[in-house]
Amino acid sequence: MDNFYFLIRVISDDMIALYYFHHSKNLQKIEMPICFTSKNAILMYKLLSYHVNVSRKISLSHSLYLGKEIYKAELARVVGQVYIQD
């Protein structure tokens, strides 16, 4: 299992925000999330591919799940629906 997770939100009607959280082995250390924002899914995929931890350490199943959720967020943004991450 990957030692990080993502939280995806649609911000207003034109932005998708993806928060990257890293699990720390030391519970005393607080890790701040990294936030990626984009207007569409393709730009979000490109942004994520430039981040070393995401592009090199993510498992195949996690990357497929993430792609599906980013697409759902963009679709919800375009049609004006509420996005809820699975």
PDB file of N, CA and C in Angstrom:
ATOM      1  N   MET A   1       0.824  -1.180   0.000  1.00  0.00           N
ATOM      2  CA  MET A   1       0.000   0.000   0.000  1.00  0.00           C
ATOM      3  C   MET A   1       0.871   1.247   0.000  1.00  0.00           C
ATOM      4  N   ASP A   2       0.418   2.263  -0.716  1.00  0.00           N
ATOM      5  CA  ASP A   2       1.177   3.506  -0.792  1.00  0.00           C
ATOM      6  C   ASP A   2       1.155   4.217   0.553  1.00  0.00           C
ATOM      7  N   ASN A   3       2.198   4.983   0.825  1.00  0.00           N
ATOM      8  CA  ASN A   3       2.257   5.712   2.087  1.00  0.00           C
ATOM      9  C   ASN A   3       1.802   7.162   1.930  1.00  0.00           C
ATOM     10  N   PHE A   4       0.893   7.392   1.012  1.00  0.00           N
ATOM     11  CA  PHE A   4       0.315   8.714   0.827  1.00  0.00           C
ATOM     12  C   PHE A   4      -1.108   8.575   0.324  1.00  0.00           C
ATOM     13  N   TYR A   5      -1.861   9.654   0.441  1.00  0.00           N
ATOM     14  CA  TYR A   5      -3.233   9.639  -0.057  1.00  0.00           C
ATOM     15  C   TYR A   5      -3.582  11.008  -0.624  1.00  0.00           C
ATOM     16  N   PHE A   6      -4.696  11.072  -1.342  1.00  0.00           N
ATOM     17  CA  PHE A   6      -5.114  12.283  -2.034  1.00  0.00           C
ATOM     18  C   PHE A   6      -6.529  12.666  -1.624  1.00  0.00           C
ATOM     19  N   LEU A   7      -6.754  13.947  -1.563  1.00  0.00           N
ATOM     20  CA  LEU A   7      -8.083  14.483  -1.331  1.00  0.00           C
ATOM     21  C   LEU A   7      -8.384  15.414  -2.497  1.00  0.00           C
ATOM     22  N   ILE A   8      -9.490  15.182  -3.195  1.00  0.00           N
ATOM     23  CA  ILE A   8      -9.833  15.942  -4.396  1.00  0.00           C
ATOM     24  C   ILE A   8     -11.073  16.774  -4.119  1.00  0.00           C
ATOM     25  N   ARG A   9     -11.032  18.033  -4.513  1.00  0.00           N
ATOM     26  CA  ARG A   9     -12.156  18.942  -4.343  1.00  0.00           C
ATOM     27  C   ARG A   9     -12.329  19.778  -5.610  1.00  0.00           C
ATOM     28  N   VAL A  10     -13.582  20.140  -5.893  1.00  0.00           N
ATOM     29  CA  VAL A  10     -13.868  21.103  -6.960  1.00  0.00           C
ATOM     30  C   VAL A  10     -14.034  22.453  -6.286  1.00  0.00           C
ATOM     31  N   ILE A  11     -13.230  23.412  -6.706  1.00  0.00           N
ATOM     32  CA  ILE A  11     -13.269  24.753  -6.135  1.00  0.00           C
ATOM     33  C   ILE A  11     -13.972  25.659  -7.130  1.00  0.00           C
ATOM     34  N   SER A  12     -15.029  26.270  -6.712  1.00  0.00           N
ATOM     35  CA  SER A  12     -15.886  27.113  -7.556  1.00  0.00           C
ATOM     36  C   SER A  12     -16.284  26.344  -8.813  1.00  0.00           C
ATOM     37  N   ASP A  13     -16.405  27.042  -9.919  1.00  0.00           N
ATOM     38  CA  ASP A  13     -16.834  26.378 -11.154  1.00  0.00           C
ATOM     39  C   ASP A  13     -15.694  26.154 -12.134  1.00  0.00           C
ATOM     40  N   ASP A  14     -14.489  26.551 -11.763  1.00  0.00           N
ATOM     41  CA  ASP A  14     -13.430  26.471 -12.774  1.00  0.00           C
ATOM     42  C   ASP A  14     -12.122  25.849 -12.301  1.00  0.00           C
ATOM     43  N   MET A  15     -12.060  25.315 -11.093  1.00  0.00           N
ATOM     44  CA  MET A  15     -10.803  24.753 -10.614  1.00  0.00           C
ATOM     45  C   MET A  15     -11.015  23.423  -9.901  1.00  0.00           C
ATOM     46  N   ILE A  16     -10.042  22.541 -10.093  1.00  0.00           N
ATOM     47  CA  ILE A  16      -9.975  21.283  -9.365  1.00  0.00           C
ATOM     48  C   ILE A  16      -8.749  21.371  -8.460  1.00  0.00           C
ATOM     49  N   ALA A  17      -8.930  21.033  -7.195  1.00  0.00           N
ATOM     50  CA  ALA A  17      -7.813  21.019  -6.249  1.00  0.00           C
ATOM     51  C   ALA A  17      -7.554  19.594  -5.801  1.00  0.00           C
ATOM     52  N   LEU A  18      -6.295  19.218  -5.779  1.00  0.00           N
ATOM     53  CA  LEU A  18      -5.896  17.896  -5.326  1.00  0.00           C
ATOM     54  C   LEU A  18      -4.857  18.089  -4.219  1.00  0.00           C
ATOM     55  N   TYR A  19      -5.137  17.548  -3.049  1.00  0.00           N
ATOM     56  CA  TYR A  19      -4.232  17.655  -1.909  1.00  0.00           C
ATOM     57  C   TYR A  19      -3.513  16.332  -1.726  1.00  0.00           C
ATOM     58  N   TYR A  20      -2.211  16.397  -1.636  1.00  0.00           N
ATOM     59  CA  TYR A  20      -1.352  15.219  -1.475  1.00  0.00           C
ATOM     60  C   TYR A  20      -0.889  15.171  -0.022  1.00  0.00           C
ATOM     61  N   PHE A  21      -1.236  14.104   0.685  1.00  0.00           N
ATOM     62  CA  PHE A  21      -0.838  13.917   2.074  1.00  0.00           C
ATOM     63  C   PHE A  21       0.115  12.734   2.158  1.00  0.00           C
ATOM     64  N   HIS A  22       1.207  12.913   2.867  1.00  0.00           N
ATOM     65  CA  HIS A  22       2.203  11.858   3.044  1.00  0.00           C
ATOM     66  C   HIS A  22       2.084  11.314   4.466  1.00  0.00           C
ATOM     67  N   HIS A  23       1.985   9.988   4.602  1.00  0.00           N
ATOM     68  CA  HIS A  23       1.950   9.363   5.926  1.00  0.00           C
ATOM     69  C   HIS A  23       3.341   9.414   6.530  1.00  0.00           C
ATOM     70  N   SER A  24       3.422   9.918   7.709  1.00  0.00           N
ATOM     71  CA  SER A  24       4.698   9.976   8.407  1.00  0.00           C
ATOM     72  C   SER A  24       4.825   8.781   9.338  1.00  0.00           C
ATOM     73  N   LYS A  25       5.989   8.162   9.374  1.00  0.00           N
ATOM     74  CA  LYS A  25       6.210   7.062  10.308  1.00  0.00           C
ATOM     75  C   LYS A  25       6.335   7.587  11.735  1.00  0.00           C
ATOM     76  N   ASN A  26       6.801   8.801  11.838  1.00  0.00           N
ATOM     77  CA  ASN A  26       6.913   9.445  13.140  1.00  0.00           C
ATOM     78  C   ASN A  26       5.620  10.216  13.393  1.00  0.00           C
ATOM     79  N   LEU A  27       4.798   9.745  14.300  1.00  0.00           N
ATOM     80  CA  LEU A  27       3.503  10.372  14.548  1.00  0.00           C
ATOM     81  C   LEU A  27       3.620  11.754  15.179  1.00  0.00           C
ATOM     82  N   GLN A  28       4.795  12.103  15.682  1.00  0.00           N
ATOM     83  CA  GLN A  28       4.999  13.418  16.284  1.00  0.00           C
ATOM     84  C   GLN A  28       5.183  14.505  15.220  1.00  0.00           C
ATOM     85  N   LYS A  29       5.569  14.096  14.034  1.00  0.00           N
ATOM     86  CA  LYS A  29       5.842  15.047  12.956  1.00  0.00           C
ATOM     87  C   LYS A  29       4.570  15.295  12.155  1.00  0.00           C
ATOM     88  N   ILE A  30       4.208  16.555  11.989  1.00  0.00           N
ATOM     89  CA  ILE A  30       3.016  16.916  11.232  1.00  0.00           C
ATOM     90  C   ILE A  30       3.424  17.233   9.795  1.00  0.00           C
ATOM     91  N   GLU A  31       2.856  16.508   8.865  1.00  0.00           N
ATOM     92  CA  GLU A  31       3.143  16.726   7.449  1.00  0.00           C
ATOM     93  C   GLU A  31       2.084  17.641   6.854  1.00  0.00           C
ATOM     94  N   MET A  32       2.482  18.703   6.236  1.00  0.00           N
ATOM     95  CA  MET A  32       1.553  19.604   5.574  1.00  0.00           C
ATOM     96  C   MET A  32       1.273  19.074   4.170  1.00  0.00           C
ATOM     97  N   PRO A  33       0.036  19.201   3.693  1.00  0.00           N
ATOM     98  CA  PRO A  33      -0.282  18.689   2.355  1.00  0.00           C
ATOM     99  C   PRO A  33       0.313  19.566   1.258  1.00  0.00           C
ATOM    100  N   ILE A  34       0.516  18.954   0.114  1.00  0.00           N
ATOM    101  CA  ILE A  34       0.902  19.693  -1.086  1.00  0.00           C
ATOM    102  C   ILE A  34      -0.362  19.831  -1.914  1.00  0.00           C
ATOM    103  N   CYS A  35      -0.652  21.034  -2.376  1.00  0.00           N
ATOM    104  CA  CYS A  35      -1.880  21.281  -3.122  1.00  0.00           C
ATOM    105  C   CYS A  35      -1.563  21.526  -4.595  1.00  0.00           C
ATOM    106  N   PHE A  36      -2.217  20.776  -5.455  1.00  0.00           N
ATOM    107  CA  PHE A  36      -2.140  20.963  -6.902  1.00  0.00           C
ATOM    108  C   PHE A  36      -3.489  21.517  -7.348  1.00  0.00           C
ATOM    109  N   THR A  37      -3.499  22.563  -8.154  1.00  0.00           N
ATOM    110  CA  THR A  37      -4.753  23.087  -8.698  1.00  0.00           C
ATOM    111  C   THR A  37      -4.647  23.177 -10.211  1.00  0.00           C
ATOM    112  N   SER A  38      -5.779  22.919 -10.862  1.00  0.00           N
ATOM    113  CA  SER A  38      -5.800  22.910 -12.316  1.00  0.00           C
ATOM    114  C   SER A  38      -7.213  23.187 -12.803  1.00  0.00           C
ATOM    115  N   LYS A  39      -7.306  23.613 -14.062  1.00  0.00           N
ATOM    116  CA  LYS A  39      -8.613  23.863 -14.663  1.00  0.00           C
ATOM    117  C   LYS A  39      -9.205  22.627 -15.312  1.00  0.00           C
ATOM    118  N   ASN A  40      -8.357  21.615 -15.613  1.00  0.00           N
ATOM    119  CA  ASN A  40      -8.888  20.392 -16.214  1.00  0.00           C
ATOM    120  C   ASN A  40      -8.021  19.189 -15.853  1.00  0.00           C
ATOM    121  N   ALA A  41      -8.521  18.019 -16.186  1.00  0.00           N
ATOM    122  CA  ALA A  41      -7.870  16.771 -15.804  1.00  0.00           C
ATOM    123  C   ALA A  41      -6.507  16.595 -16.480  1.00  0.00           C
ATOM    124  N   ILE A  42      -6.383  16.957 -17.733  1.00  0.00           N
ATOM    125  CA  ILE A  42      -5.111  16.774 -18.449  1.00  0.00           C
ATOM    126  C   ILE A  42      -3.992  17.578 -17.812  1.00  0.00           C
ATOM    127  N   LEU A  43      -4.280  18.822 -17.449  1.00  0.00           N
ATOM    128  CA  LEU A  43      -3.262  19.629 -16.768  1.00  0.00           C
ATOM    129  C   LEU A  43      -2.930  19.063 -15.393  1.00  0.00           C
ATOM    130  N   MET A  44      -3.929  18.517 -14.712  1.00  0.00           N
ATOM    131  CA  MET A  44      -3.675  17.909 -13.403  1.00  0.00           C
ATOM    132  C   MET A  44      -2.769  16.696 -13.544  1.00  0.00           C
ATOM    133  N   TYR A  45      -3.004  15.871 -14.552  1.00  0.00           N
ATOM    134  CA  TYR A  45      -2.139  14.705 -14.786  1.00  0.00           C
ATOM    135  C   TYR A  45      -0.700  15.150 -15.038  1.00  0.00           C
ATOM    136  N   LYS A  46      -0.529  16.213 -15.813  1.00  0.00           N
ATOM    137  CA  LYS A  46       0.826  16.717 -16.085  1.00  0.00           C
ATOM    138  C   LYS A  46       1.489  17.227 -14.815  1.00  0.00           C
ATOM    139  N   LEU A  47       0.742  17.981 -14.010  1.00  0.00           N
ATOM    140  CA  LEU A  47       1.299  18.467 -12.744  1.00  0.00           C
ATOM    141  C   LEU A  47       1.760  17.311 -11.862  1.00  0.00           C
ATOM    142  N   LEU A  48       0.934  16.293 -11.739  1.00  0.00           N
ATOM    143  CA  LEU A  48       1.275  15.161 -10.893  1.00  0.00           C
ATOM    144  C   LEU A  48       2.479  14.394 -11.429  1.00  0.00           C
ATOM    145  N   SER A  49       2.627  14.352 -12.736  1.00  0.00           N
ATOM    146  CA  SER A  49       3.763  13.624 -13.313  1.00  0.00           C
ATOM    147  C   SER A  49       5.093  14.304 -13.006  1.00  0.00           C
ATOM    148  N   TYR A  50       5.080  15.601 -12.692  1.00  0.00           N
ATOM    149  CA  TYR A  50       6.313  16.318 -12.360  1.00  0.00           C
ATOM    150  C   TYR A  50       6.727  16.135 -10.905  1.00  0.00           C
ATOM    151  N   HIS A  51       5.819  15.674 -10.051  1.00  0.00           N
ATOM    152  CA  HIS A  51       6.157  15.488  -8.644  1.00  0.00           C
ATOM    153  C   HIS A  51       6.800  14.116  -8.459  1.00  0.00           C
ATOM    154  N   VAL A  52       7.974  14.084  -7.870  1.00  0.00           N
ATOM    155  CA  VAL A  52       8.767  12.853  -7.771  1.00  0.00           C
ATOM    156  C   VAL A  52       8.037  11.759  -6.997  1.00  0.00           C
ATOM    157  N   ASN A  53       7.465  12.073  -5.846  1.00  0.00           N
ATOM    158  CA  ASN A  53       6.800  11.034  -5.051  1.00  0.00           C
ATOM    159  C   ASN A  53       5.606  10.441  -5.772  1.00  0.00           C
ATOM    160  N   VAL A  54       4.864  11.260  -6.472  1.00  0.00           N
ATOM    161  CA  VAL A  54       3.669  10.767  -7.157  1.00  0.00           C
ATOM    162  C   VAL A  54       4.061   9.956  -8.384  1.00  0.00           C
ATOM    163  N   SER A  55       4.942  10.481  -9.202  1.00  0.00           N
ATOM    164  CA  SER A  55       5.258   9.816 -10.469  1.00  0.00           C
ATOM    165  C   SER A  55       6.065   8.529 -10.294  1.00  0.00           C
ATOM    166  N   ARG A  56       6.878   8.423  -9.254  1.00  0.00           N
ATOM    167  CA  ARG A  56       7.739   7.251  -9.110  1.00  0.00           C
ATOM    168  C   ARG A  56       7.264   6.240  -8.073  1.00  0.00           C
ATOM    169  N   LYS A  57       6.482   6.690  -7.101  1.00  0.00           N
ATOM    170  CA  LYS A  57       6.154   5.802  -5.990  1.00  0.00           C
ATOM    171  C   LYS A  57       4.702   5.341  -5.948  1.00  0.00           C
ATOM    172  N   ILE A  58       3.864   5.832  -6.835  1.00  0.00           N
ATOM    173  CA  ILE A  58       2.448   5.466  -6.791  1.00  0.00           C
ATOM    174  C   ILE A  58       2.240   4.095  -7.429  1.00  0.00           C
ATOM    175  N   SER A  59       1.387   3.283  -6.812  1.00  0.00           N
ATOM    176  CA  SER A  59       1.093   1.964  -7.358  1.00  0.00           C
ATOM    177  C   SER A  59       0.139   2.089  -8.547  1.00  0.00           C
ATOM    178  N   LEU A  60       0.072   1.052  -9.342  1.00  0.00           N
ATOM    179  CA  LEU A  60      -0.789   1.072 -10.517  1.00  0.00           C
ATOM    180  C   LEU A  60      -2.255   1.229 -10.120  1.00  0.00           C
ATOM    181  N   SER A  61      -2.697   0.475  -9.127  1.00  0.00           N
ATOM    182  CA  SER A  61      -4.103   0.574  -8.721  1.00  0.00           C
ATOM    183  C   SER A  61      -4.437   1.949  -8.164  1.00  0.00           C
ATOM    184  N   HIS A  62      -3.486   2.546  -7.444  1.00  0.00           N
ATOM    185  CA  HIS A  62      -3.712   3.879  -6.901  1.00  0.00           C
ATOM    186  C   HIS A  62      -3.757   4.928  -8.017  1.00  0.00           C
ATOM    187  N   SER A  63      -2.905   4.793  -9.012  1.00  0.00           N
ATOM    188  CA  SER A  63      -2.908   5.751 -10.120  1.00  0.00           C
ATOM    189  C   SER A  63      -4.175   5.626 -10.966  1.00  0.00           C
ATOM    190  N   LEU A  64      -4.670   4.401 -11.154  1.00  0.00           N
ATOM    191  CA  LEU A  64      -5.927   4.225 -11.893  1.00  0.00           C
ATOM    192  C   LEU A  64      -7.097   4.838 -11.122  1.00  0.00           C
ATOM    193  N   TYR A  65      -7.135   4.615  -9.831  1.00  0.00           N
ATOM    194  CA  TYR A  65      -8.176   5.215  -8.982  1.00  0.00           C
ATOM    195  C   TYR A  65      -8.104   6.741  -9.046  1.00  0.00           C
ATOM    196  N   LEU A  66      -6.895   7.274  -8.947  1.00  0.00           N
ATOM    197  CA  LEU A  66      -6.713   8.723  -8.970  1.00  0.00           C
ATOM    198  C   LEU A  66      -7.159   9.318 -10.302  1.00  0.00           C
ATOM    199  N   GLY A  67      -6.825   8.669 -11.399  1.00  0.00           N
ATOM    200  CA  GLY A  67      -7.259   9.132 -12.712  1.00  0.00           C
ATOM    201  C   GLY A  67      -8.766   9.161 -12.841  1.00  0.00           C
ATOM    202  N   LYS A  68      -9.416   8.123 -12.339  1.00  0.00           N
ATOM    203  CA  LYS A  68     -10.883   8.058 -12.378  1.00  0.00           C
ATOM    204  C   LYS A  68     -11.495   9.192 -11.563  1.00  0.00           C
ATOM    205  N   GLU A  69     -10.951   9.445 -10.386  1.00  0.00           N
ATOM    206  CA  GLU A  69     -11.509  10.482  -9.520  1.00  0.00           C
ATOM    207  C   GLU A  69     -11.265  11.891 -10.073  1.00  0.00           C
ATOM    208  N   ILE A  70     -10.122  12.115 -10.674  1.00  0.00           N
ATOM    209  CA  ILE A  70      -9.859  13.429 -11.283  1.00  0.00           C
ATOM    210  C   ILE A  70     -10.814  13.653 -12.447  1.00  0.00           C
ATOM    211  N   TYR A  71     -11.047  12.616 -13.240  1.00  0.00           N
ATOM    212  CA  TYR A  71     -11.998  12.725 -14.346  1.00  0.00           C
ATOM    213  C   TYR A  71     -13.406  13.024 -13.831  1.00  0.00           C
ATOM    214  N   LYS A  72     -13.826  12.327 -12.758  1.00  0.00           N
ATOM    215  CA  LYS A  72     -15.144  12.575 -12.178  1.00  0.00           C
ATOM    216  C   LYS A  72     -15.261  14.012 -11.665  1.00  0.00           C
ATOM    217  N   ALA A  73     -14.190  14.531 -11.069  1.00  0.00           N
ATOM    218  CA  ALA A  73     -14.201  15.906 -10.571  1.00  0.00           C
ATOM    219  C   ALA A  73     -14.348  16.895 -11.719  1.00  0.00           C
ATOM    220  N   GLU A  74     -13.626  16.653 -12.819  1.00  0.00           N
ATOM    221  CA  GLU A  74     -13.751  17.542 -13.978  1.00  0.00           C
ATOM    222  C   GLU A  74     -15.154  17.471 -14.573  1.00  0.00           C
ATOM    223  N   LEU A  75     -15.695  16.288 -14.694  1.00  0.00           N
ATOM    224  CA  LEU A  75     -17.041  16.126 -15.236  1.00  0.00           C
ATOM    225  C   LEU A  75     -18.064  16.848 -14.355  1.00  0.00           C
ATOM    226  N   ALA A  76     -17.949  16.707 -13.049  1.00  0.00           N
ATOM    227  CA  ALA A  76     -18.859  17.401 -12.132  1.00  0.00           C
ATOM    228  C   ALA A  76     -18.714  18.917 -12.268  1.00  0.00           C
ATOM    229  N   ARG A  77     -17.487  19.385 -12.443  1.00  0.00           N
ATOM    230  CA  ARG A  77     -17.235  20.818 -12.617  1.00  0.00           C
ATOM    231  C   ARG A  77     -17.889  21.340 -13.890  1.00  0.00           C
ATOM    232  N   VAL A  78     -17.758  20.596 -14.974  1.00  0.00           N
ATOM    233  CA  VAL A  78     -18.289  21.039 -16.270  1.00  0.00           C
ATOM    234  C   VAL A  78     -19.813  21.075 -16.282  1.00  0.00           C
ATOM    235  N   VAL A  79     -20.462  20.064 -15.699  1.00  0.00           N
ATOM    236  CA  VAL A  79     -21.921  20.021 -15.748  1.00  0.00           C
ATOM    237  C   VAL A  79     -22.566  20.683 -14.536  1.00  0.00           C
ATOM    238  N   GLY A  80     -21.761  21.206 -13.622  1.00  0.00           N
ATOM    239  CA  GLY A  80     -22.303  21.938 -12.489  1.00  0.00           C
ATOM    240  C   GLY A  80     -22.901  21.082 -11.392  1.00  0.00           C
ATOM    241  N   GLN A  81     -22.403  19.846 -11.243  1.00  0.00           N
ATOM    242  CA  GLN A  81     -22.890  18.967 -10.191  1.00  0.00           C
ATOM    243  C   GLN A  81     -21.912  18.969  -9.015  1.00  0.00           C
ATOM    244  N   VAL A  82     -22.367  18.434  -7.912  1.00  0.00           N
ATOM    245  CA  VAL A  82     -21.515  18.306  -6.724  1.00  0.00           C
ATOM    246  C   VAL A  82     -20.639  17.083  -6.891  1.00  0.00           C
ATOM    247  N   TYR A  83     -19.359  17.231  -6.589  1.00  0.00           N
ATOM    248  CA  TYR A  83     -18.415  16.113  -6.676  1.00  0.00           C
ATOM    249  C   TYR A  83     -18.190  15.537  -5.274  1.00  0.00           C
ATOM    250  N   ILE A  84     -18.297  14.220  -5.162  1.00  0.00           N
ATOM    251  CA  ILE A  84     -18.006  13.517  -3.919  1.00  0.00           C
ATOM    252  C   ILE A  84     -17.004  12.421  -4.249  1.00  0.00           C
ATOM    253  N   GLN A  85     -15.863  12.457  -3.597  1.00  0.00           N
ATOM    254  CA  GLN A  85     -14.806  11.481  -3.845  1.00  0.00           C
ATOM    255  C   GLN A  85     -15.173  10.137  -3.233  1.00  0.00           C
ATOM    256  N   ASP A  86     -14.954   9.041  -3.995  1.00  0.00           N
ATOM    257  CA  ASP A  86     -15.196   7.684  -3.469  1.00  0.00           C
ATOM    258  C   ASP A  86     -14.096   7.277  -2.531  1.00  0.00           C
TER     259      ASP A  86
END
